[in-house]
N, C-alpha and C. Protein backbone atom coordinates (compact mmCIF):
# COMPACT_ATOMS: atom_id res chain seq x y z
N MET A 1 28.63 64.39 156.59
CA MET A 1 29.72 65.20 156.04
C MET A 1 30.10 64.67 154.66
N SER A 2 30.09 65.53 153.62
CA SER A 2 30.47 65.10 152.29
C SER A 2 31.95 65.28 152.04
N ARG A 3 32.65 65.90 152.98
CA ARG A 3 34.07 66.15 152.80
C ARG A 3 34.86 65.56 153.96
N THR A 4 36.02 65.02 153.61
CA THR A 4 36.91 64.44 154.60
C THR A 4 38.24 65.17 154.58
N GLU A 5 38.68 65.66 155.72
CA GLU A 5 39.95 66.37 155.77
C GLU A 5 41.09 65.40 155.48
N ALA A 6 42.04 65.86 154.65
CA ALA A 6 43.16 65.02 154.26
C ALA A 6 44.45 65.61 154.79
N PRO A 7 45.14 64.94 155.71
CA PRO A 7 46.47 65.42 156.12
C PRO A 7 47.34 65.55 154.89
N LEU A 8 48.17 66.58 154.86
CA LEU A 8 48.92 66.89 153.64
C LEU A 8 49.74 65.71 153.16
N GLU A 9 50.38 64.99 154.10
CA GLU A 9 51.22 63.87 153.68
C GLU A 9 50.41 62.74 153.04
N ALA A 10 49.11 62.68 153.34
CA ALA A 10 48.26 61.65 152.73
C ALA A 10 47.92 61.97 151.29
N LEU A 11 48.19 63.19 150.86
CA LEU A 11 47.84 63.61 149.50
C LEU A 11 48.59 62.80 148.45
N ALA A 12 49.79 62.34 148.78
CA ALA A 12 50.60 61.61 147.81
C ALA A 12 49.87 60.40 147.25
N ALA A 13 48.99 59.79 148.03
CA ALA A 13 48.27 58.60 147.57
C ALA A 13 47.29 58.91 146.46
N TYR A 14 46.90 60.18 146.31
CA TYR A 14 45.93 60.56 145.29
C TYR A 14 46.60 61.09 144.01
N LEU A 15 47.90 61.27 144.04
CA LEU A 15 48.61 61.94 142.96
C LEU A 15 49.54 61.00 142.20
N PRO A 16 49.83 61.30 140.92
CA PRO A 16 50.82 60.52 140.18
C PRO A 16 52.19 60.64 140.85
N GLN A 17 52.98 59.62 140.69
CA GLN A 17 54.32 59.60 141.28
C GLN A 17 55.12 60.80 140.82
N GLY A 18 55.83 61.40 141.77
CA GLY A 18 56.71 62.51 141.45
C GLY A 18 56.08 63.89 141.44
N THR A 19 54.80 63.98 141.83
CA THR A 19 54.13 65.28 141.79
C THR A 19 53.82 65.85 143.17
N TYR A 20 53.88 65.03 144.20
CA TYR A 20 53.47 65.48 145.54
C TYR A 20 54.26 66.69 146.00
N GLU A 21 55.59 66.66 145.85
CA GLU A 21 56.43 67.75 146.36
C GLU A 21 56.07 69.07 145.71
N HIS A 22 55.80 69.04 144.41
CA HIS A 22 55.48 70.28 143.70
C HIS A 22 54.13 70.83 144.16
N ILE A 23 53.14 69.93 144.32
CA ILE A 23 51.81 70.36 144.78
C ILE A 23 51.89 70.86 146.22
N ALA A 24 52.60 70.13 147.09
CA ALA A 24 52.70 70.53 148.49
C ALA A 24 53.33 71.90 148.63
N ALA A 25 54.26 72.23 147.74
CA ALA A 25 54.91 73.55 147.80
C ALA A 25 53.89 74.66 147.59
N TYR A 26 52.97 74.48 146.64
CA TYR A 26 51.91 75.48 146.42
C TYR A 26 50.99 75.56 147.63
N LEU A 27 50.58 74.41 148.13
CA LEU A 27 49.64 74.41 149.25
C LEU A 27 50.23 75.06 150.49
N ASN A 28 51.51 74.80 150.74
CA ASN A 28 52.17 75.40 151.90
C ASN A 28 52.40 76.89 151.71
N GLN A 29 52.87 77.27 150.53
CA GLN A 29 53.18 78.68 150.29
C GLN A 29 51.95 79.57 150.43
N TYR A 30 50.81 79.08 149.92
CA TYR A 30 49.60 79.92 149.93
C TYR A 30 48.64 79.53 151.05
N LYS A 31 49.09 78.64 151.94
CA LYS A 31 48.28 78.24 153.10
C LYS A 31 46.89 77.77 152.68
N VAL A 32 46.88 76.83 151.77
CA VAL A 32 45.63 76.29 151.24
C VAL A 32 45.12 75.18 152.14
N HIS A 33 43.84 75.23 152.50
CA HIS A 33 43.19 74.16 153.24
C HIS A 33 42.58 73.22 152.22
N LEU A 34 43.13 72.01 152.12
CA LEU A 34 42.69 71.04 151.13
C LEU A 34 41.81 69.97 151.77
N THR A 35 40.69 69.67 151.12
CA THR A 35 39.87 68.53 151.54
C THR A 35 39.65 67.62 150.34
N VAL A 36 39.52 66.33 150.63
CA VAL A 36 39.19 65.35 149.60
C VAL A 36 37.74 64.96 149.81
N SER A 37 36.91 65.17 148.78
CA SER A 37 35.46 64.98 148.91
C SER A 37 35.03 63.63 148.38
N ARG A 38 33.88 63.20 148.85
CA ARG A 38 33.22 62.08 148.22
C ARG A 38 32.77 62.48 146.82
N GLU A 39 32.39 61.50 146.02
CA GLU A 39 31.98 61.79 144.64
C GLU A 39 30.84 62.79 144.61
N ARG A 40 30.97 63.82 143.76
CA ARG A 40 29.91 64.78 143.52
C ARG A 40 29.57 64.75 142.04
N ALA A 41 28.30 64.60 141.71
CA ALA A 41 27.90 64.41 140.32
C ALA A 41 28.15 65.67 139.48
N SER A 42 28.01 66.84 140.09
CA SER A 42 28.02 68.07 139.31
C SER A 42 29.40 68.71 139.18
N VAL A 43 30.32 68.42 140.09
CA VAL A 43 31.65 69.04 140.05
C VAL A 43 32.71 68.02 140.42
N LEU A 44 33.92 68.25 139.90
CA LEU A 44 35.07 67.42 140.26
C LEU A 44 35.89 68.09 141.36
N GLY A 45 35.85 69.41 141.41
CA GLY A 45 36.60 70.14 142.41
C GLY A 45 35.96 71.49 142.68
N ASP A 46 36.48 72.19 143.68
CA ASP A 46 35.89 73.45 144.08
C ASP A 46 36.95 74.32 144.74
N TYR A 47 36.81 75.65 144.58
CA TYR A 47 37.73 76.60 145.22
C TYR A 47 36.95 77.68 145.93
N ARG A 48 37.37 78.02 147.14
CA ARG A 48 36.82 79.15 147.90
C ARG A 48 37.98 80.05 148.30
N ASN A 49 37.87 81.33 147.96
CA ASN A 49 38.99 82.25 148.21
C ASN A 49 39.17 82.54 149.69
N ALA A 50 40.37 82.94 150.02
CA ALA A 50 40.69 83.31 151.40
C ALA A 50 39.91 84.57 151.79
N THR A 51 39.57 84.65 153.07
CA THR A 51 38.93 85.84 153.63
C THR A 51 39.73 86.25 154.86
N ARG A 52 39.25 87.29 155.53
CA ARG A 52 39.93 87.74 156.74
C ARG A 52 39.93 86.65 157.81
N ASP A 53 38.93 85.76 157.74
CA ASP A 53 38.78 84.75 158.79
C ASP A 53 39.16 83.33 158.37
N SER A 54 39.51 83.12 157.10
CA SER A 54 39.82 81.76 156.66
C SER A 54 40.86 81.77 155.55
N HIS A 55 41.56 80.64 155.39
CA HIS A 55 42.54 80.47 154.32
C HIS A 55 41.83 80.09 153.03
N HIS A 56 42.61 80.05 151.93
CA HIS A 56 42.08 79.49 150.69
C HIS A 56 41.63 78.06 150.96
N ARG A 57 40.53 77.65 150.32
CA ARG A 57 40.00 76.30 150.51
C ARG A 57 39.79 75.64 149.14
N ILE A 58 40.32 74.44 149.00
CA ILE A 58 40.14 73.66 147.77
C ILE A 58 39.63 72.28 148.14
N SER A 59 38.67 71.78 147.38
CA SER A 59 38.24 70.39 147.54
C SER A 59 38.31 69.71 146.18
N VAL A 60 38.66 68.42 146.20
CA VAL A 60 38.74 67.62 144.98
C VAL A 60 38.09 66.27 145.28
N ASN A 61 37.33 65.75 144.33
CA ASN A 61 36.68 64.47 144.53
C ASN A 61 37.71 63.35 144.68
N GLY A 62 37.57 62.56 145.72
CA GLY A 62 38.54 61.51 146.01
C GLY A 62 38.39 60.27 145.17
N ASN A 63 37.30 60.15 144.39
CA ASN A 63 37.09 58.95 143.56
C ASN A 63 37.78 59.06 142.20
N LEU A 64 38.43 60.18 141.91
CA LEU A 64 39.07 60.37 140.61
C LEU A 64 40.36 59.54 140.54
N ASN A 65 40.69 59.08 139.31
CA ASN A 65 41.99 58.44 139.15
C ASN A 65 43.09 59.50 139.34
N LYS A 66 44.32 59.06 139.49
CA LYS A 66 45.40 59.97 139.90
C LYS A 66 45.64 61.10 138.89
N PHE A 67 45.49 60.80 137.61
CA PHE A 67 45.74 61.84 136.61
C PHE A 67 44.59 62.84 136.58
N ALA A 68 43.36 62.38 136.71
CA ALA A 68 42.21 63.28 136.79
C ALA A 68 42.27 64.11 138.06
N PHE A 69 42.70 63.50 139.17
CA PHE A 69 42.80 64.22 140.44
C PHE A 69 43.82 65.36 140.30
N LEU A 70 44.98 65.08 139.70
CA LEU A 70 45.99 66.12 139.54
C LEU A 70 45.49 67.25 138.65
N ILE A 71 44.86 66.92 137.53
CA ILE A 71 44.37 67.96 136.62
C ILE A 71 43.32 68.81 137.31
N THR A 72 42.42 68.18 138.05
CA THR A 72 41.39 68.93 138.77
C THR A 72 42.01 69.81 139.84
N LEU A 73 42.99 69.30 140.56
CA LEU A 73 43.65 70.10 141.59
C LEU A 73 44.37 71.29 140.97
N LEU A 74 45.03 71.09 139.83
CA LEU A 74 45.69 72.20 139.14
C LEU A 74 44.66 73.24 138.68
N HIS A 75 43.51 72.77 138.23
CA HIS A 75 42.42 73.67 137.84
C HIS A 75 42.05 74.59 139.01
N GLU A 76 41.89 73.99 140.19
CA GLU A 76 41.51 74.79 141.36
C GLU A 76 42.66 75.66 141.86
N LEU A 77 43.89 75.15 141.78
CA LEU A 77 45.04 75.98 142.14
C LEU A 77 45.14 77.20 141.21
N ALA A 78 44.78 77.02 139.95
CA ALA A 78 44.78 78.16 139.02
C ALA A 78 43.78 79.22 139.46
N HIS A 79 42.63 78.79 139.98
CA HIS A 79 41.66 79.75 140.53
C HIS A 79 42.28 80.50 141.71
N MET A 80 42.98 79.77 142.57
CA MET A 80 43.60 80.39 143.74
C MET A 80 44.67 81.41 143.32
N LEU A 81 45.51 81.03 142.36
CA LEU A 81 46.57 81.94 141.90
C LEU A 81 45.97 83.15 141.18
N THR A 82 44.89 82.93 140.45
CA THR A 82 44.23 84.05 139.78
C THR A 82 43.64 85.02 140.80
N PHE A 83 43.00 84.48 141.83
CA PHE A 83 42.45 85.36 142.87
C PHE A 83 43.57 86.09 143.60
N ASP A 84 44.66 85.38 143.90
CA ASP A 84 45.78 86.01 144.60
C ASP A 84 46.34 87.19 143.82
N ARG A 85 46.29 87.10 142.49
CA ARG A 85 46.87 88.15 141.65
C ARG A 85 45.86 89.24 141.30
N PHE A 86 44.60 88.83 141.06
CA PHE A 86 43.63 89.79 140.51
C PHE A 86 42.42 90.02 141.40
N GLY A 87 42.27 89.25 142.49
CA GLY A 87 41.08 89.39 143.30
C GLY A 87 39.84 89.03 142.52
N HIS A 88 38.76 89.79 142.75
CA HIS A 88 37.50 89.52 142.06
C HIS A 88 37.34 90.39 140.81
N SER A 89 38.43 90.97 140.31
CA SER A 89 38.33 91.91 139.20
C SER A 89 38.32 91.25 137.83
N VAL A 90 38.46 89.92 137.76
CA VAL A 90 38.46 89.22 136.46
C VAL A 90 37.44 88.10 136.49
N ALA A 91 37.06 87.62 135.31
CA ALA A 91 36.08 86.54 135.19
C ALA A 91 36.67 85.23 135.75
N ALA A 92 35.80 84.39 136.29
CA ALA A 92 36.26 83.16 136.94
C ALA A 92 37.06 82.27 135.98
N HIS A 93 36.62 82.17 134.74
CA HIS A 93 37.34 81.35 133.75
C HIS A 93 37.75 82.20 132.54
N GLY A 94 38.15 83.43 132.84
CA GLY A 94 38.57 84.36 131.80
C GLY A 94 39.99 84.11 131.33
N LYS A 95 40.49 85.04 130.54
CA LYS A 95 41.82 84.87 129.94
C LYS A 95 42.93 84.78 130.99
N GLU A 96 42.75 85.46 132.12
CA GLU A 96 43.77 85.42 133.17
C GLU A 96 43.87 84.02 133.77
N TRP A 97 42.68 83.44 134.09
CA TRP A 97 42.67 82.08 134.62
C TRP A 97 43.21 81.09 133.61
N LYS A 98 42.80 81.22 132.35
CA LYS A 98 43.26 80.30 131.31
C LYS A 98 44.78 80.33 131.17
N ALA A 99 45.34 81.54 131.25
CA ALA A 99 46.81 81.67 131.12
C ALA A 99 47.51 80.99 132.28
N ILE A 100 47.01 81.19 133.49
CA ILE A 100 47.64 80.61 134.68
C ILE A 100 47.47 79.09 134.68
N PHE A 101 46.28 78.60 134.36
CA PHE A 101 46.05 77.16 134.30
C PHE A 101 46.94 76.53 133.24
N GLY A 102 47.05 77.19 132.08
CA GLY A 102 47.93 76.68 131.03
C GLY A 102 49.37 76.60 131.47
N GLN A 103 49.82 77.59 132.25
CA GLN A 103 51.20 77.58 132.76
C GLN A 103 51.41 76.44 133.76
N LEU A 104 50.42 76.19 134.61
CA LEU A 104 50.53 75.09 135.57
C LEU A 104 50.58 73.75 134.83
N LEU A 105 49.71 73.57 133.85
CA LEU A 105 49.72 72.33 133.08
C LEU A 105 51.05 72.14 132.39
N ALA A 106 51.58 73.20 131.78
CA ALA A 106 52.86 73.11 131.08
C ALA A 106 53.97 72.70 132.02
N GLN A 107 53.93 73.23 133.25
CA GLN A 107 54.95 72.88 134.24
C GLN A 107 54.95 71.38 134.53
N PHE A 108 53.76 70.80 134.68
CA PHE A 108 53.70 69.39 135.00
C PHE A 108 53.89 68.51 133.77
N LEU A 109 53.57 69.02 132.59
CA LEU A 109 53.89 68.29 131.37
C LEU A 109 55.40 68.17 131.20
N GLU A 110 56.13 69.18 131.61
CA GLU A 110 57.59 69.12 131.53
C GLU A 110 58.15 68.03 132.42
N HIS A 111 57.47 67.73 133.54
CA HIS A 111 57.93 66.70 134.45
C HIS A 111 57.61 65.28 133.95
N LYS A 112 56.85 65.21 132.83
CA LYS A 112 56.51 63.92 132.20
C LYS A 112 55.79 62.98 133.18
N VAL A 113 54.80 63.51 133.86
CA VAL A 113 54.06 62.71 134.85
C VAL A 113 52.80 62.07 134.26
N PHE A 114 52.43 62.48 133.02
CA PHE A 114 51.21 61.96 132.40
C PHE A 114 51.54 60.91 131.36
N PRO A 115 50.69 59.90 131.19
CA PRO A 115 50.85 58.96 130.08
C PRO A 115 50.75 59.71 128.74
N ASP A 116 51.25 59.12 127.69
CA ASP A 116 51.31 59.81 126.40
C ASP A 116 49.94 60.26 125.90
N ASP A 117 48.90 59.43 126.08
CA ASP A 117 47.58 59.81 125.57
C ASP A 117 47.00 60.98 126.35
N VAL A 118 47.21 61.01 127.67
CA VAL A 118 46.75 62.14 128.48
C VAL A 118 47.56 63.38 128.13
N ARG A 119 48.85 63.22 127.97
CA ARG A 119 49.71 64.36 127.61
C ARG A 119 49.25 64.99 126.30
N ARG A 120 48.98 64.17 125.29
CA ARG A 120 48.56 64.72 124.00
C ARG A 120 47.21 65.44 124.12
N ALA A 121 46.28 64.88 124.90
CA ALA A 121 44.98 65.54 125.09
C ALA A 121 45.15 66.88 125.79
N LEU A 122 46.04 66.95 126.77
CA LEU A 122 46.28 68.21 127.47
C LEU A 122 46.96 69.23 126.57
N GLU A 123 47.91 68.78 125.76
CA GLU A 123 48.63 69.70 124.89
C GLU A 123 47.69 70.35 123.88
N ARG A 124 46.64 69.64 123.48
CA ARG A 124 45.68 70.20 122.51
C ARG A 124 44.88 71.34 123.10
N THR A 125 44.75 71.38 124.42
CA THR A 125 43.94 72.42 125.05
C THR A 125 44.78 73.39 125.89
N LEU A 126 46.09 73.29 125.77
CA LEU A 126 46.99 74.02 126.66
C LEU A 126 46.77 75.53 126.61
N HIS A 127 46.50 76.08 125.43
CA HIS A 127 46.40 77.53 125.30
C HIS A 127 44.97 78.04 125.44
N ASN A 128 44.01 77.12 125.52
CA ASN A 128 42.62 77.54 125.71
C ASN A 128 41.88 76.46 126.49
N PRO A 129 42.26 76.22 127.76
CA PRO A 129 41.64 75.15 128.53
C PRO A 129 40.17 75.41 128.79
N ALA A 130 39.40 74.32 128.86
CA ALA A 130 37.97 74.43 129.13
C ALA A 130 37.74 74.90 130.56
N ALA A 131 36.58 75.52 130.79
CA ALA A 131 36.24 76.00 132.13
C ALA A 131 36.12 74.85 133.12
N SER A 132 35.87 73.66 132.62
CA SER A 132 35.83 72.46 133.46
C SER A 132 36.40 71.30 132.65
N SER A 133 37.21 70.46 133.31
CA SER A 133 37.70 69.28 132.60
C SER A 133 36.53 68.39 132.19
N CYS A 134 35.39 68.49 132.91
CA CYS A 134 34.19 67.75 132.52
C CYS A 134 33.69 68.21 131.16
N ALA A 135 33.97 69.46 130.80
CA ALA A 135 33.49 70.01 129.55
C ALA A 135 34.37 69.66 128.36
N ASP A 136 35.52 69.08 128.63
CA ASP A 136 36.45 68.68 127.56
C ASP A 136 36.24 67.19 127.30
N ASP A 137 35.37 66.90 126.32
CA ASP A 137 34.97 65.50 126.08
C ASP A 137 36.17 64.63 125.71
N ASP A 138 37.06 65.14 124.86
CA ASP A 138 38.22 64.34 124.44
C ASP A 138 39.10 63.98 125.62
N LEU A 139 39.36 64.96 126.49
CA LEU A 139 40.18 64.70 127.67
C LEU A 139 39.51 63.70 128.60
N MET A 140 38.20 63.84 128.81
CA MET A 140 37.49 62.94 129.71
C MET A 140 37.48 61.51 129.17
N ARG A 141 37.38 61.35 127.84
CA ARG A 141 37.43 60.00 127.27
C ARG A 141 38.78 59.35 127.56
N VAL A 142 39.84 60.13 127.41
CA VAL A 142 41.18 59.59 127.65
C VAL A 142 41.36 59.25 129.13
N LEU A 143 40.94 60.16 130.02
CA LEU A 143 41.11 59.94 131.45
C LEU A 143 40.29 58.73 131.92
N ARG A 144 39.15 58.50 131.30
CA ARG A 144 38.29 57.39 131.72
C ARG A 144 39.00 56.05 131.59
N ALA A 145 39.94 55.94 130.66
CA ALA A 145 40.67 54.69 130.47
C ALA A 145 41.47 54.30 131.71
N TYR A 146 41.73 55.26 132.60
CA TYR A 146 42.53 55.00 133.80
C TYR A 146 41.66 54.83 135.04
N ASP A 147 40.34 54.83 134.86
CA ASP A 147 39.43 54.56 135.97
C ASP A 147 39.34 53.06 136.21
N PRO A 148 39.03 52.64 137.43
CA PRO A 148 38.75 51.22 137.67
C PRO A 148 37.60 50.77 136.79
N LYS A 149 37.74 49.62 136.20
CA LYS A 149 36.73 49.13 135.25
C LYS A 149 35.51 48.58 136.00
N ASP A 150 34.32 48.95 135.52
CA ASP A 150 33.06 48.45 136.04
C ASP A 150 32.18 48.14 134.85
N SER A 151 32.01 46.87 134.54
CA SER A 151 31.30 46.45 133.33
C SER A 151 29.82 46.82 133.35
N ARG A 152 29.30 47.24 134.48
CA ARG A 152 27.88 47.61 134.54
C ARG A 152 27.61 48.91 133.80
N PHE A 153 28.62 49.76 133.64
CA PHE A 153 28.40 51.11 133.13
C PHE A 153 29.03 51.31 131.76
N CYS A 154 28.48 52.26 131.04
CA CYS A 154 29.04 52.67 129.75
C CYS A 154 28.74 54.15 129.56
N LEU A 155 29.20 54.72 128.45
CA LEU A 155 28.90 56.11 128.15
C LEU A 155 27.62 56.20 127.32
N VAL A 156 26.91 57.31 127.46
CA VAL A 156 25.68 57.50 126.70
C VAL A 156 25.95 57.34 125.20
N GLU A 157 27.08 57.88 124.73
CA GLU A 157 27.39 57.81 123.31
C GLU A 157 27.64 56.39 122.81
N GLU A 158 27.90 55.46 123.72
CA GLU A 158 28.15 54.07 123.33
C GLU A 158 26.87 53.27 123.14
N LEU A 159 25.73 53.84 123.51
CA LEU A 159 24.44 53.16 123.38
C LEU A 159 23.81 53.47 122.03
N PRO A 160 23.10 52.50 121.44
CA PRO A 160 22.39 52.78 120.19
C PRO A 160 21.16 53.63 120.44
N VAL A 161 20.71 54.33 119.42
CA VAL A 161 19.48 55.11 119.53
C VAL A 161 18.34 54.18 119.91
N GLY A 162 17.54 54.59 120.88
CA GLY A 162 16.42 53.79 121.35
C GLY A 162 16.72 52.95 122.58
N ALA A 163 18.00 52.83 122.94
CA ALA A 163 18.37 52.01 124.10
C ALA A 163 17.94 52.70 125.39
N LEU A 164 17.61 51.90 126.38
CA LEU A 164 17.25 52.41 127.70
C LEU A 164 18.47 52.38 128.61
N PHE A 165 18.55 53.38 129.49
CA PHE A 165 19.64 53.41 130.47
C PHE A 165 19.15 54.04 131.76
N LYS A 166 19.90 53.77 132.81
CA LYS A 166 19.56 54.28 134.14
C LYS A 166 20.70 55.15 134.65
N THR A 167 20.36 56.30 135.22
CA THR A 167 21.35 57.16 135.84
C THR A 167 21.56 56.71 137.29
N ARG A 168 22.57 57.27 137.94
CA ARG A 168 22.91 56.80 139.29
C ARG A 168 21.82 57.12 140.32
N ASP A 169 20.94 58.05 140.01
CA ASP A 169 19.84 58.34 140.93
C ASP A 169 18.62 57.45 140.66
N GLY A 170 18.75 56.49 139.73
CA GLY A 170 17.69 55.52 139.49
C GLY A 170 16.71 55.87 138.39
N ARG A 171 16.79 57.06 137.80
CA ARG A 171 15.86 57.43 136.74
C ARG A 171 16.23 56.71 135.45
N VAL A 172 15.21 56.40 134.65
CA VAL A 172 15.40 55.67 133.41
C VAL A 172 15.15 56.58 132.22
N PHE A 173 15.99 56.48 131.19
CA PHE A 173 15.89 57.31 130.00
C PHE A 173 16.03 56.44 128.74
N ARG A 174 15.53 56.97 127.64
CA ARG A 174 15.71 56.35 126.34
C ARG A 174 16.58 57.26 125.47
N ARG A 175 17.67 56.71 124.96
CA ARG A 175 18.60 57.51 124.16
C ARG A 175 17.98 57.88 122.82
N ASP A 176 18.18 59.14 122.44
CA ASP A 176 17.71 59.63 121.15
C ASP A 176 18.92 60.11 120.35
N ARG A 177 18.72 61.09 119.48
CA ARG A 177 19.75 61.52 118.54
C ARG A 177 20.70 62.56 119.14
N LEU A 178 21.85 62.71 118.48
CA LEU A 178 22.81 63.75 118.84
C LEU A 178 22.27 65.11 118.39
N VAL A 179 22.27 66.07 119.30
CA VAL A 179 21.85 67.44 119.00
C VAL A 179 23.03 68.35 119.29
N ARG A 180 23.70 68.78 118.23
CA ARG A 180 24.96 69.53 118.36
C ARG A 180 25.95 68.69 119.16
N LYS A 181 26.33 69.12 120.34
CA LYS A 181 27.33 68.37 121.10
C LYS A 181 26.73 67.56 122.25
N ARG A 182 25.40 67.50 122.31
CA ARG A 182 24.73 66.76 123.37
C ARG A 182 23.80 65.71 122.77
N ILE A 183 23.44 64.71 123.57
CA ILE A 183 22.56 63.65 123.11
C ILE A 183 21.20 63.83 123.77
N ARG A 184 20.18 63.96 122.94
CA ARG A 184 18.82 64.11 123.45
C ARG A 184 18.34 62.77 123.98
N CYS A 185 17.77 62.78 125.17
CA CYS A 185 17.23 61.58 125.80
C CYS A 185 15.88 61.89 126.40
N MET A 186 15.00 60.89 126.41
CA MET A 186 13.65 61.06 126.94
C MET A 186 13.51 60.26 128.22
N GLU A 187 13.04 60.94 129.27
CA GLU A 187 12.83 60.23 130.53
C GLU A 187 11.63 59.29 130.39
N VAL A 188 11.74 58.11 131.01
CA VAL A 188 10.67 57.12 131.01
C VAL A 188 10.08 57.03 132.42
N PRO A 189 8.76 57.17 132.57
CA PRO A 189 7.73 57.26 131.51
C PRO A 189 7.24 58.67 131.22
N SER A 190 7.86 59.71 131.80
CA SER A 190 7.32 61.07 131.69
C SER A 190 7.46 61.65 130.29
N GLU A 191 8.42 61.10 129.48
CA GLU A 191 8.71 61.61 128.14
C GLU A 191 9.25 63.04 128.16
N LYS A 192 9.74 63.48 129.29
CA LYS A 192 10.42 64.78 129.34
C LYS A 192 11.77 64.67 128.65
N GLU A 193 12.16 65.73 127.96
CA GLU A 193 13.38 65.72 127.18
C GLU A 193 14.56 66.28 127.98
N TYR A 194 15.68 65.59 127.91
CA TYR A 194 16.90 66.04 128.58
C TYR A 194 18.07 65.93 127.59
N LEU A 195 19.07 66.78 127.77
CA LEU A 195 20.29 66.71 126.96
C LEU A 195 21.42 66.20 127.83
N PHE A 196 22.07 65.14 127.39
CA PHE A 196 23.17 64.52 128.12
C PHE A 196 24.49 64.75 127.41
N SER A 197 25.54 64.89 128.21
CA SER A 197 26.88 64.86 127.65
C SER A 197 27.10 63.48 127.04
N PRO A 198 27.75 63.39 125.87
CA PRO A 198 28.03 62.08 125.28
C PRO A 198 28.84 61.16 126.18
N ILE A 199 29.63 61.76 127.10
CA ILE A 199 30.52 60.95 127.93
C ILE A 199 29.98 60.78 129.35
N TYR A 200 28.68 61.04 129.52
CA TYR A 200 28.06 60.79 130.82
C TYR A 200 27.96 59.28 131.03
N GLU A 201 28.35 58.81 132.21
CA GLU A 201 28.39 57.38 132.49
C GLU A 201 27.04 56.90 133.02
N VAL A 202 26.49 55.85 132.39
CA VAL A 202 25.16 55.36 132.76
C VAL A 202 25.17 53.83 132.79
N GLU A 203 24.07 53.26 133.28
CA GLU A 203 23.92 51.82 133.35
C GLU A 203 22.85 51.37 132.36
N PRO A 204 23.20 50.58 131.35
CA PRO A 204 22.19 50.12 130.39
C PRO A 204 21.09 49.31 131.07
N VAL A 205 19.88 49.43 130.54
CA VAL A 205 18.72 48.72 131.07
C VAL A 205 18.12 47.89 129.94
N LYS A 206 17.82 46.62 130.22
CA LYS A 206 17.19 45.78 129.22
C LYS A 206 15.74 46.18 129.05
N ALA A 207 15.30 46.24 127.80
CA ALA A 207 13.91 46.65 127.51
C ALA A 207 12.92 45.60 128.00
């Protein structure tokens, strides 16, 4: 099982102080089934709309720091509120979702639950939030500062051109140049080309 059910009262341990009551109110009002997931490489959170046979379902990765967890949960709650209002008639990350997500973020910014650097990063994207917080490089850099420190890892952008690194699945790559907003890397020894996010976390490998 990649997901672990979280009793609602246990949610407070994953959230910044002073936010549990506000989040619980949304979950109770809309009868949301919340699960806390193990780390998933491709997504931080997920939403499944209610059907005749099931309630709204949201999952959030449990390895996130408290501020990243809250932002991800608000992202998924915005999907739920958008579906509740518009059903399937609008785009998943269209203007309707962006407006609702922006309103949720503004609500929690008013409560002053975020550190100043996170608050400033959120305010810069308040009116046009990214479809995924993973896609907002500036926000992810700021949030990373609140993760538990592990000296084994660094970001791809922190490595010099030509450096070798290993991804969590054990594959080895050689860092190349920046191509627009991504960093070109070559898999070793296949020499296949891949584009990495600059803020993807990897483990340096000695040549």
